[in-house]
Amino acid sequence: MQIELWSGEQARAALANPDLDRLAGAAHGVAAVVVDLGDDPGTEIASRLSELPVVAIGCGTGPDARWDVATENPDAVVDGIRAAPHAAVVTAQTLRLTSERSLADGLAIESLAYATLQSGPEFADWLTARGRRVRKDDSPRVTVEEIDGAVVVTLDRPKLRNLLDARMRDELVEVLRALSIADSGPIRLRGAGSAFCAGGDPAEFGTVTDPATAHLIRSSANVAPWLASLADRVTASVHGPCVGAGVELAAFCHRVKASPDARFRLPETRMGLMPGAGGTVSIPARIGRQRTLEWLLSDVEIDADTAHAWGLVDEVG
């Protein structure tokens, strides 16, 4: 899959070509267009490219908000696109849509896009390389207690760094459902052991082989809408690894407090996937669509101070 590198002049010439959709598009072997803009925002270029199935990357000092990624150095993003071009393009398209929709619409769009990638070759390759994992553990995943006038909801799977599986998801939904009825005051969400949440449980990836069924399961059993409905009462206390779904869920909370040892990462596109726990809605609401996609494609781990500077967390300490 190619990455086109254009100057501003080349990009504007391409815009005048009625066959632009054949020059730039993943179906035609071009997954991304990188345009060297200098101090030009490139508004009309970004607007046109954002209609196409490509990742539109504006390089310069002030690219317009319509670009999928705005950066002065696109190298890490380009590496991420080359690693998983289908996931990169579908994620870019999804973020364009979810940023303009209601919560319910955004979650539905995300789930449908996620299901598409679940049936794609990049995820299949990742599953093959990873190998099959099976876990047998029927212990409870979530505990609830009252501490100093707050309801403390703890992800309680410490030996596996609180990996989010179907059981934990379902228990969280039931807890949050009950709290939405009880109107019991402030809520604190935390993780037991050495991590807040190290992401989705790899043992369950690919276990629902039919992507349509997987989408319907996500649509009926999803923590995100319940957490969002309670968000103004919820503080997430994050420590240690906060990966994938852990980042996605924490970002819904009204306040996120991170300990100095907290580390954040979004590895989904390198797996041939994208955020699937509401992250295409919650994370851009905190740090913006462009930074969200750049972070996903770069697959870099950030520390608590960087997360604070971005607005992903509200307090470090």
Foldseek 3Di string as FASTA:
>chain_A
DDEAEEELVRLVVLVPDPVNLCVDAVVNPYAAYEYEDAPHQSVVSLVVCLVHQHQYEYAYDHHDQSHLAYYPDCVLLVVLCVLASLQLSLLSNLLVPLVPDDLLVSLLSQLVSQLVLLQDDLLVVLDVVVDADDDDDPDQQWDWDDDPQEIEIEGEPAVQQSADEPRNLQVLQVVLVVCVVVVRAAYEYAYPHQWRYQYHDPNCRCVPVRSVVVSVCCSVRANVVSCLVCQARYEYETHAEQEQLSLQSNLSHPAYEYEQRYKYWYAAVSSSGHRNRSNSNRVCVFQNSNVVSSRHSSGDMDTPVVCCVRRSHVYYD
